[in-house]
All heavy atoms as atom14 arrays in JSON, in Angstrom:
{
  "sequence": "EPEDTAMYYCAALAPCFNHAYFLTVGWKRATYFTYWGQGTQ",
  "atom14_mask": [
    [1, 1, 1, 1, 1, 1, 1, 1, 1, 0, 0, 0, 0, 0],
    [1, 1, 1, 1, 1, 1, 1, 0, 0, 0, 0, 0, 0, 0],
    [1, 1, 1, 1, 1, 1, 1, 1, 1, 0, 0, 0, 0, 0],
    [1, 1, 1, 1, 1, 1, 1, 1, 0, 0, 0, 0, 0, 0],
    [1, 1, 1, 1, 1, 1, 1, 0, 0, 0, 0, 0, 0, 0],
    [1, 1, 1, 1, 1, 0, 0, 0, 0, 0, 0, 0, 0, 0],
    [1, 1, 1, 1, 1, 1, 1, 1, 0, 0, 0, 0, 0, 0],
    [1, 1, 1, 1, 1, 1, 1, 1, 1, 1, 1, 1, 0, 0],
    [1, 1, 1, 1, 1, 1, 1, 1, 1, 1, 1, 1, 0, 0],
    [1, 1, 1, 1, 1, 1, 0, 0, 0, 0, 0, 0, 0, 0],
    [1, 1, 1, 1, 1, 0, 0, 0, 0, 0, 0, 0, 0, 0],
    [1, 1, 1, 1, 1, 0, 0, 0, 0, 0, 0, 0, 0, 0],
    [1, 1, 1, 1, 1, 1, 1, 1, 0, 0, 0, 0, 0, 0],
    [1, 1, 1, 1, 1, 0, 0, 0, 0, 0, 0, 0, 0, 0],
    [1, 1, 1, 1, 1, 1, 1, 0, 0, 0, 0, 0, 0, 0],
    [1, 1, 1, 1, 1, 1, 0, 0, 0, 0, 0, 0, 0, 0],
    [1, 1, 1, 1, 1, 1, 1, 1, 1, 1, 1, 0, 0, 0],
    [1, 1, 1, 1, 1, 1, 1, 1, 0, 0, 0, 0, 0, 0],
    [1, 1, 1, 1, 1, 1, 1, 1, 1, 1, 0, 0, 0, 0],
    [1, 1, 1, 1, 1, 0, 0, 0, 0, 0, 0, 0, 0, 0],
    [1, 1, 1, 1, 1, 1, 1, 1, 1, 1, 1, 1, 0, 0],
    [1, 1, 1, 1, 1, 1, 1, 1, 1, 1, 1, 0, 0, 0],
    [1, 1, 1, 1, 1, 1, 1, 1, 0, 0, 0, 0, 0, 0],
    [1, 1, 1, 1, 1, 1, 1, 0, 0, 0, 0, 0, 0, 0],
    [1, 1, 1, 1, 1, 1, 1, 0, 0, 0, 0, 0, 0, 0],
    [1, 1, 1, 1, 0, 0, 0, 0, 0, 0, 0, 0, 0, 0],
    [1, 1, 1, 1, 1, 1, 1, 1, 1, 1, 1, 1, 1, 1],
    [1, 1, 1, 1, 1, 1, 1, 1, 1, 0, 0, 0, 0, 0],
    [1, 1, 1, 1, 1, 1, 1, 1, 1, 1, 1, 0, 0, 0],
    [1, 1, 1, 1, 1, 0, 0, 0, 0, 0, 0, 0, 0, 0],
    [1, 1, 1, 1, 1, 1, 1, 0, 0, 0, 0, 0, 0, 0],
    [1, 1, 1, 1, 1, 1, 1, 1, 1, 1, 1, 1, 0, 0],
    [1, 1, 1, 1, 1, 1, 1, 1, 1, 1, 1, 0, 0, 0],
    [1, 1, 1, 1, 1, 1, 1, 0, 0, 0, 0, 0, 0, 0],
    [1, 1, 1, 1, 1, 1, 1, 1, 1, 1, 1, 1, 0, 0],
    [1, 1, 1, 1, 1, 1, 1, 1, 1, 1, 1, 1, 1, 1],
    [1, 1, 1, 1, 0, 0, 0, 0, 0, 0, 0, 0, 0, 0],
    [1, 1, 1, 1, 1, 1, 1, 1, 1, 0, 0, 0, 0, 0],
    [1, 1, 1, 1, 0, 0, 0, 0, 0, 0, 0, 0, 0, 0],
    [1, 1, 1, 1, 1, 1, 1, 0, 0, 0, 0, 0, 0, 0],
    [1, 1, 1, 1, 1, 1, 1, 1, 1, 0, 0, 0, 0, 0]
  ],
  "atom14_positions": [
    [[52.3, 71.52, 24.84], [51.72, 72.61, 24.04], [51.78, 72.23, 22.57], [52.63, 71.41, 22.17], [52.52, 73.89, 24.28], [52.6, 74.31, 25.73], [53.62, 75.42, 25.97], [54.37, 75.74, 25.02], [53.65, 75.94, 27.1], [0.0, 0.0, 0.0], [0.0, 0.0, 0.0], [0.0, 0.0, 0.0], [0.0, 0.0, 0.0], [0.0, 0.0, 0.0]],
    [[50.9, 72.79, 21.74], [50.96, 72.48, 20.31], [52.34, 72.74, 19.7], [52.75, 72.03, 18.77], [49.91, 73.42, 19.71], [48.92, 73.6, 20.82], [49.73, 73.62, 22.09], [0.0, 0.0, 0.0], [0.0, 0.0, 0.0], [0.0, 0.0, 0.0], [0.0, 0.0, 0.0], [0.0, 0.0, 0.0], [0.0, 0.0, 0.0], [0.0, 0.0, 0.0]],
    [[53.08, 73.7, 20.27], [54.41, 74.02, 19.77], [55.42, 72.9, 20.05], [56.53, 72.92, 19.52], [54.92, 75.32, 20.4], [54.16, 76.58, 19.97], [52.79, 76.69, 20.59], [52.54, 76.05, 21.64], [51.94, 77.43, 20.04], [0.0, 0.0, 0.0], [0.0, 0.0, 0.0], [0.0, 0.0, 0.0], [0.0, 0.0, 0.0], [0.0, 0.0, 0.0]],
    [[55.05, 71.96, 20.88], [55.92, 70.81, 21.16], [55.8, 69.72, 20.1], [56.54, 68.73, 20.14], [55.59, 70.22, 22.53], [55.86, 71.19, 23.68], [56.9, 71.86, 23.64], [55.01, 71.27, 24.58], [0.0, 0.0, 0.0], [0.0, 0.0, 0.0], [0.0, 0.0, 0.0], [0.0, 0.0, 0.0], [0.0, 0.0, 0.0], [0.0, 0.0, 0.0]],
    [[54.88, 69.88, 19.17], [54.7, 68.89, 18.1], [55.97, 68.79, 17.27], [56.48, 69.79, 16.76], [53.52, 69.29, 17.2], [52.32, 69.21, 17.96], [53.43, 68.37, 16.0], [0.0, 0.0, 0.0], [0.0, 0.0, 0.0], [0.0, 0.0, 0.0], [0.0, 0.0, 0.0], [0.0, 0.0, 0.0], [0.0, 0.0, 0.0], [0.0, 0.0, 0.0]],
    [[56.5, 67.59, 17.17], [57.77, 67.38, 16.46], [58.12, 65.9, 16.45], [57.51, 65.1, 17.18], [58.9, 68.15, 17.13], [0.0, 0.0, 0.0], [0.0, 0.0, 0.0], [0.0, 0.0, 0.0], [0.0, 0.0, 0.0], [0.0, 0.0, 0.0], [0.0, 0.0, 0.0], [0.0, 0.0, 0.0], [0.0, 0.0, 0.0], [0.0, 0.0, 0.0]],
    [[59.11, 65.57, 15.65], [59.76, 64.26, 15.77], [60.84, 64.4, 16.83], [61.65, 65.33, 16.75], [60.37, 63.84, 14.44], [60.98, 62.46, 14.46], [59.75, 61.16, 14.54], [59.25, 61.12, 12.82], [0.0, 0.0, 0.0], [0.0, 0.0, 0.0], [0.0, 0.0, 0.0], [0.0, 0.0, 0.0], [0.0, 0.0, 0.0], [0.0, 0.0, 0.0]],
    [[60.84, 63.51, 17.79], [61.8, 63.57, 18.88], [62.86, 62.48, 18.71], [62.53, 61.32, 18.45], [61.1, 63.4, 20.22], [60.4, 64.67, 20.67], [59.24, 65.1, 20.03], [60.9, 65.44, 21.7], [58.61, 66.27, 20.42], [60.27, 66.62, 22.11], [59.13, 67.02, 21.45], [58.5, 68.19, 21.84], [0.0, 0.0, 0.0], [0.0, 0.0, 0.0]],
    [[64.11, 62.88, 18.89], [65.24, 61.98, 18.7], [66.08, 61.89, 19.97], [66.32, 62.89, 20.63], [66.14, 62.46, 17.57], [65.49, 62.52, 16.22], [64.84, 63.67, 15.79], [65.53, 61.43, 15.35], [64.25, 63.75, 14.55], [64.93, 61.49, 14.1], [64.3, 62.65, 13.71], [63.71, 62.71, 12.47], [0.0, 0.0, 0.0], [0.0, 0.0, 0.0]],
    [[66.54, 60.69, 20.22], [67.51, 60.44, 21.27], [68.9, 60.46, 20.63], [69.08, 59.95, 19.52], [67.21, 59.08, 21.89], [68.43, 58.44, 23.0], [0.0, 0.0, 0.0], [0.0, 0.0, 0.0], [0.0, 0.0, 0.0], [0.0, 0.0, 0.0], [0.0, 0.0, 0.0], [0.0, 0.0, 0.0], [0.0, 0.0, 0.0], [0.0, 0.0, 0.0]],
    [[69.88, 61.03, 21.34], [71.24, 61.09, 20.79], [72.24, 60.84, 21.9], [71.98, 61.1, 23.07], [71.48, 62.45, 20.16], [0.0, 0.0, 0.0], [0.0, 0.0, 0.0], [0.0, 0.0, 0.0], [0.0, 0.0, 0.0], [0.0, 0.0, 0.0], [0.0, 0.0, 0.0], [0.0, 0.0, 0.0], [0.0, 0.0, 0.0], [0.0, 0.0, 0.0]],
    [[73.42, 60.36, 21.49], [74.45, 60.05, 22.48], [75.83, 60.35, 21.96], [76.11, 60.19, 20.76], [74.35, 58.58, 22.89], [0.0, 0.0, 0.0], [0.0, 0.0, 0.0], [0.0, 0.0, 0.0], [0.0, 0.0, 0.0], [0.0, 0.0, 0.0], [0.0, 0.0, 0.0], [0.0, 0.0, 0.0], [0.0, 0.0, 0.0], [0.0, 0.0, 0.0]],
    [[76.69, 60.78, 22.86], [78.11, 60.89, 22.6], [78.78, 60.0, 23.65], [78.71, 60.29, 24.84], [78.59, 62.33, 22.75], [80.11, 62.53, 22.67], [80.61, 62.16, 21.28], [80.47, 63.97, 23.0], [0.0, 0.0, 0.0], [0.0, 0.0, 0.0], [0.0, 0.0, 0.0], [0.0, 0.0, 0.0], [0.0, 0.0, 0.0], [0.0, 0.0, 0.0]],
    [[79.37, 58.9, 23.17], [79.91, 57.92, 24.11], [81.26, 57.42, 23.63], [81.36, 56.94, 22.51], [78.94, 56.75, 24.25], [0.0, 0.0, 0.0], [0.0, 0.0, 0.0], [0.0, 0.0, 0.0], [0.0, 0.0, 0.0], [0.0, 0.0, 0.0], [0.0, 0.0, 0.0], [0.0, 0.0, 0.0], [0.0, 0.0, 0.0], [0.0, 0.0, 0.0]],
    [[82.31, 57.5, 24.48], [82.31, 58.14, 25.78], [82.36, 59.67, 25.66], [82.63, 60.18, 24.58], [83.58, 57.61, 26.43], [84.49, 57.37, 25.27], [83.61, 56.92, 24.14], [0.0, 0.0, 0.0], [0.0, 0.0, 0.0], [0.0, 0.0, 0.0], [0.0, 0.0, 0.0], [0.0, 0.0, 0.0], [0.0, 0.0, 0.0], [0.0, 0.0, 0.0]],
    [[82.11, 60.33, 26.76], [82.1, 61.79, 26.77], [83.12, 62.26, 27.79], [82.94, 62.05, 28.99], [80.7, 62.27, 27.14], [80.55, 64.05, 27.26], [0.0, 0.0, 0.0], [0.0, 0.0, 0.0], [0.0, 0.0, 0.0], [0.0, 0.0, 0.0], [0.0, 0.0, 0.0], [0.0, 0.0, 0.0], [0.0, 0.0, 0.0], [0.0, 0.0, 0.0]],
    [[84.18, 62.92, 27.37], [85.26, 63.3, 28.26], [85.13, 64.73, 28.79], [85.6, 65.03, 29.87], [86.6, 63.13, 27.56], [86.89, 61.7, 27.16], [86.94, 61.33, 25.83], [87.09, 60.73, 28.12], [87.19, 60.02, 25.46], [87.34, 59.41, 27.76], [87.4, 59.05, 26.43], [0.0, 0.0, 0.0], [0.0, 0.0, 0.0], [0.0, 0.0, 0.0]],
    [[84.55, 65.61, 28.0], [84.45, 67.0, 28.42], [82.99, 67.31, 28.76], [82.3, 68.03, 28.03], [84.95, 67.94, 27.33], [85.16, 69.35, 27.83], [84.69, 69.71, 28.91], [85.85, 70.16, 27.03], [0.0, 0.0, 0.0], [0.0, 0.0, 0.0], [0.0, 0.0, 0.0], [0.0, 0.0, 0.0], [0.0, 0.0, 0.0], [0.0, 0.0, 0.0]],
    [[82.54, 66.76, 29.88], [81.13, 66.89, 30.21], [80.77, 68.32, 30.61], [79.62, 68.73, 30.47], [80.72, 65.9, 31.3], [81.52, 66.04, 32.57], [82.71, 65.38, 32.77], [81.28, 66.75, 33.69], [83.16, 65.67, 33.97], [82.32, 66.5, 34.54], [0.0, 0.0, 0.0], [0.0, 0.0, 0.0], [0.0, 0.0, 0.0], [0.0, 0.0, 0.0]],
    [[81.74, 69.08, 31.11], [81.45, 70.47, 31.46], [81.09, 71.27, 30.2], [80.12, 72.04, 30.19], [82.64, 71.09, 32.17], [0.0, 0.0, 0.0], [0.0, 0.0, 0.0], [0.0, 0.0, 0.0], [0.0, 0.0, 0.0], [0.0, 0.0, 0.0], [0.0, 0.0, 0.0], [0.0, 0.0, 0.0], [0.0, 0.0, 0.0], [0.0, 0.0, 0.0]],
    [[81.86, 71.09, 29.15], [81.57, 71.75, 27.88], [80.25, 71.23, 27.32], [79.43, 72.0, 26.81], [82.69, 71.49, 26.88], [82.4, 72.05, 25.51], [82.65, 73.39, 25.21], [81.86, 71.25, 24.5], [82.38, 73.91, 23.97], [81.58, 71.77, 23.24], [81.84, 73.09, 22.98], [81.56, 73.61, 21.75], [0.0, 0.0, 0.0], [0.0, 0.0, 0.0]],
    [[80.04, 69.93, 27.43], [78.81, 69.34, 26.92], [77.58, 69.98, 27.56], [76.64, 70.37, 26.87], [78.79, 67.84, 27.2], [77.45, 67.21, 26.95], [76.97, 67.02, 25.66], [76.66, 66.79, 28.01], [75.72, 66.45, 25.43], [75.41, 66.22, 27.79], [74.95, 66.04, 26.5], [0.0, 0.0, 0.0], [0.0, 0.0, 0.0], [0.0, 0.0, 0.0]],
    [[77.58, 70.09, 28.88], [76.39, 70.56, 29.58], [76.16, 72.06, 29.39], [75.04, 72.54, 29.65], [76.47, 70.23, 31.06], [76.23, 68.77, 31.42], [76.41, 68.55, 32.91], [74.84, 68.32, 30.97], [0.0, 0.0, 0.0], [0.0, 0.0, 0.0], [0.0, 0.0, 0.0], [0.0, 0.0, 0.0], [0.0, 0.0, 0.0], [0.0, 0.0, 0.0]],
    [[77.19, 72.79, 29.0], [77.01, 74.23, 28.82], [76.82, 74.64, 27.36], [76.02, 75.54, 27.08], [78.21, 75.0, 29.38], [79.41, 74.48, 28.8], [78.29, 74.86, 30.89], [0.0, 0.0, 0.0], [0.0, 0.0, 0.0], [0.0, 0.0, 0.0], [0.0, 0.0, 0.0], [0.0, 0.0, 0.0], [0.0, 0.0, 0.0], [0.0, 0.0, 0.0]],
    [[77.51, 73.97, 26.46], [77.49, 74.38, 25.05], [77.14, 73.23, 24.11], [76.26, 73.34, 23.27], [78.85, 74.97, 24.64], [78.82, 75.38, 23.17], [79.22, 76.16, 25.52], [0.0, 0.0, 0.0], [0.0, 0.0, 0.0], [0.0, 0.0, 0.0], [0.0, 0.0, 0.0], [0.0, 0.0, 0.0], [0.0, 0.0, 0.0], [0.0, 0.0, 0.0]],
    [[77.86, 72.12, 24.26], [77.77, 71.05, 23.27], [76.4, 70.45, 23.08], [76.03, 70.04, 21.97], [0.0, 0.0, 0.0], [0.0, 0.0, 0.0], [0.0, 0.0, 0.0], [0.0, 0.0, 0.0], [0.0, 0.0, 0.0], [0.0, 0.0, 0.0], [0.0, 0.0, 0.0], [0.0, 0.0, 0.0], [0.0, 0.0, 0.0], [0.0, 0.0, 0.0]],
    [[75.63, 70.41, 24.14], [74.37, 69.67, 24.1], [73.39, 70.25, 23.09], [72.48, 69.56, 22.64], [73.73, 69.63, 25.48], [73.16, 70.94, 25.93], [73.82, 71.97, 26.54], [71.8, 71.38, 25.79], [72.96, 73.0, 26.78], [71.72, 72.66, 26.35], [70.65, 70.8, 25.26], [70.54, 73.38, 26.38], [69.47, 71.51, 25.3], [69.41, 72.8, 25.85]],
    [[73.53, 71.5, 22.75], [72.59, 72.15, 21.83], [72.92, 71.83, 20.37], [72.11, 72.12, 19.47], [72.65, 73.66, 22.01], [72.39, 74.14, 23.42], [72.59, 75.64, 23.53], [72.52, 76.14, 24.94], [72.78, 77.6, 25.03], [0.0, 0.0, 0.0], [0.0, 0.0, 0.0], [0.0, 0.0, 0.0], [0.0, 0.0, 0.0], [0.0, 0.0, 0.0]],
    [[74.07, 71.26, 20.11], [74.55, 71.08, 18.74], [74.37, 69.64, 18.3], [75.01, 68.73, 18.85], [76.01, 71.48, 18.64], [76.25, 72.93, 19.04], [77.73, 73.28, 19.05], [77.95, 74.68, 19.38], [79.13, 75.22, 19.58], [80.22, 74.48, 19.49], [79.24, 76.5, 19.88], [0.0, 0.0, 0.0], [0.0, 0.0, 0.0], [0.0, 0.0, 0.0]],
    [[73.56, 69.41, 17.28], [73.34, 68.07, 16.79], [74.63, 67.42, 16.32], [74.82, 66.21, 16.48], [72.31, 68.09, 15.66], [0.0, 0.0, 0.0], [0.0, 0.0, 0.0], [0.0, 0.0, 0.0], [0.0, 0.0, 0.0], [0.0, 0.0, 0.0], [0.0, 0.0, 0.0], [0.0, 0.0, 0.0], [0.0, 0.0, 0.0], [0.0, 0.0, 0.0]],
    [[75.55, 68.21, 15.78], [76.8, 67.67, 15.27], [77.73, 67.18, 16.37], [78.71, 66.49, 16.1], [77.54, 68.72, 14.43], [77.71, 69.91, 15.24], [76.78, 69.07, 13.17], [0.0, 0.0, 0.0], [0.0, 0.0, 0.0], [0.0, 0.0, 0.0], [0.0, 0.0, 0.0], [0.0, 0.0, 0.0], [0.0, 0.0, 0.0], [0.0, 0.0, 0.0]],
    [[77.43, 67.53, 17.6], [78.27, 67.11, 18.73], [78.07, 65.64, 19.07], [78.91, 65.01, 19.7], [77.94, 67.97, 19.95], [78.96, 67.9, 21.05], [80.19, 68.51, 20.94], [78.66, 67.23, 22.24], [81.11, 68.45, 21.98], [79.58, 67.16, 23.28], [80.8, 67.78, 23.15], [81.7, 67.71, 24.16], [0.0, 0.0, 0.0], [0.0, 0.0, 0.0]],
    [[76.93, 65.09, 18.66], [76.56, 63.72, 19.04], [76.98, 62.72, 17.97], [76.97, 63.01, 16.78], [75.06, 63.64, 19.27], [74.61, 64.4, 20.49], [74.38, 65.77, 20.42], [74.44, 63.76, 21.71], [73.98, 66.48, 21.54], [74.03, 64.46, 22.82], [73.8, 65.82, 22.74], [0.0, 0.0, 0.0], [0.0, 0.0, 0.0], [0.0, 0.0, 0.0]],
    [[77.3, 61.52, 18.43], [77.79, 60.47, 17.53], [76.69, 59.52, 17.09], [76.7, 59.04, 15.96], [78.89, 59.67, 18.23], [79.85, 60.55, 18.79], [79.54, 58.7, 17.27], [0.0, 0.0, 0.0], [0.0, 0.0, 0.0], [0.0, 0.0, 0.0], [0.0, 0.0, 0.0], [0.0, 0.0, 0.0], [0.0, 0.0, 0.0], [0.0, 0.0, 0.0]],
    [[75.78, 59.24, 18.02], [74.78, 58.2, 17.76], [73.38, 58.8, 17.86], [73.11, 59.63, 18.72], [74.93, 57.06, 18.78], [76.3, 56.46, 18.8], [77.2, 56.76, 19.82], [76.72, 55.59, 17.79], [78.47, 56.22, 19.84], [77.99, 55.05, 17.81], [78.86, 55.36, 18.84], [80.12, 54.82, 18.85], [0.0, 0.0, 0.0], [0.0, 0.0, 0.0]],
    [[72.49, 58.3, 17.01], [71.12, 58.79, 16.95], [70.13, 57.65, 16.84], [70.41, 56.62, 16.21], [70.94, 59.69, 15.73], [71.65, 60.99, 15.86], [72.95, 61.23, 15.55], [71.13, 62.22, 16.35], [73.27, 62.54, 15.81], [72.17, 63.17, 16.31], [69.88, 62.61, 16.83], [71.99, 64.49, 16.73], [69.71, 63.92, 17.25], [70.75, 64.84, 17.19]],
    [[68.97, 57.85, 17.44], [67.87, 56.93, 17.24], [67.09, 57.3, 16.0], [67.41, 58.27, 15.31], [0.0, 0.0, 0.0], [0.0, 0.0, 0.0], [0.0, 0.0, 0.0], [0.0, 0.0, 0.0], [0.0, 0.0, 0.0], [0.0, 0.0, 0.0], [0.0, 0.0, 0.0], [0.0, 0.0, 0.0], [0.0, 0.0, 0.0], [0.0, 0.0, 0.0]],
    [[66.03, 56.54, 15.73], [65.26, 56.74, 14.52], [64.14, 57.77, 14.7], [63.55, 58.23, 13.72], [64.64, 55.41, 14.06], [63.37, 54.99, 14.79], [63.61, 54.52, 16.21], [64.74, 54.33, 16.63], [62.54, 54.32, 16.96], [0.0, 0.0, 0.0], [0.0, 0.0, 0.0], [0.0, 0.0, 0.0], [0.0, 0.0, 0.0], [0.0, 0.0, 0.0]],
    [[63.86, 58.12, 15.94], [62.86, 59.15, 16.22], [61.51, 58.59, 16.59], [61.16, 57.46, 16.22], [0.0, 0.0, 0.0], [0.0, 0.0, 0.0], [0.0, 0.0, 0.0], [0.0, 0.0, 0.0], [0.0, 0.0, 0.0], [0.0, 0.0, 0.0], [0.0, 0.0, 0.0], [0.0, 0.0, 0.0], [0.0, 0.0, 0.0], [0.0, 0.0, 0.0]],
    [[60.76, 59.38, 17.34], [59.39, 59.04, 17.69], [58.55, 60.31, 17.59], [58.98, 61.39, 18.03], [59.3, 58.41, 19.09], [57.97, 57.97, 19.36], [59.73, 59.39, 20.19], [0.0, 0.0, 0.0], [0.0, 0.0, 0.0], [0.0, 0.0, 0.0], [0.0, 0.0, 0.0], [0.0, 0.0, 0.0], [0.0, 0.0, 0.0], [0.0, 0.0, 0.0]],
    [[57.37, 60.2, 17.0], [56.56, 61.37, 16.69], [55.7, 61.77, 17.89], [55.04, 60.93, 18.51], [55.65, 61.09, 15.49], [54.79, 62.26, 15.06], [55.6, 63.39, 14.46], [56.45, 63.17, 13.6], [55.34, 64.61, 14.92], [0.0, 0.0, 0.0], [0.0, 0.0, 0.0], [0.0, 0.0, 0.0], [0.0, 0.0, 0.0], [0.0, 0.0, 0.0]]
  ]
}
């Protein structure tokens, strides 16, 4: 959809010990991740 227009980034937290928290809460927070790609439009 036109609303999907954006720069898309890949991010990673490695290693990840609290995956239950990650999948419920952490994943929405950019600050939770350690590594980022440069993005693709």
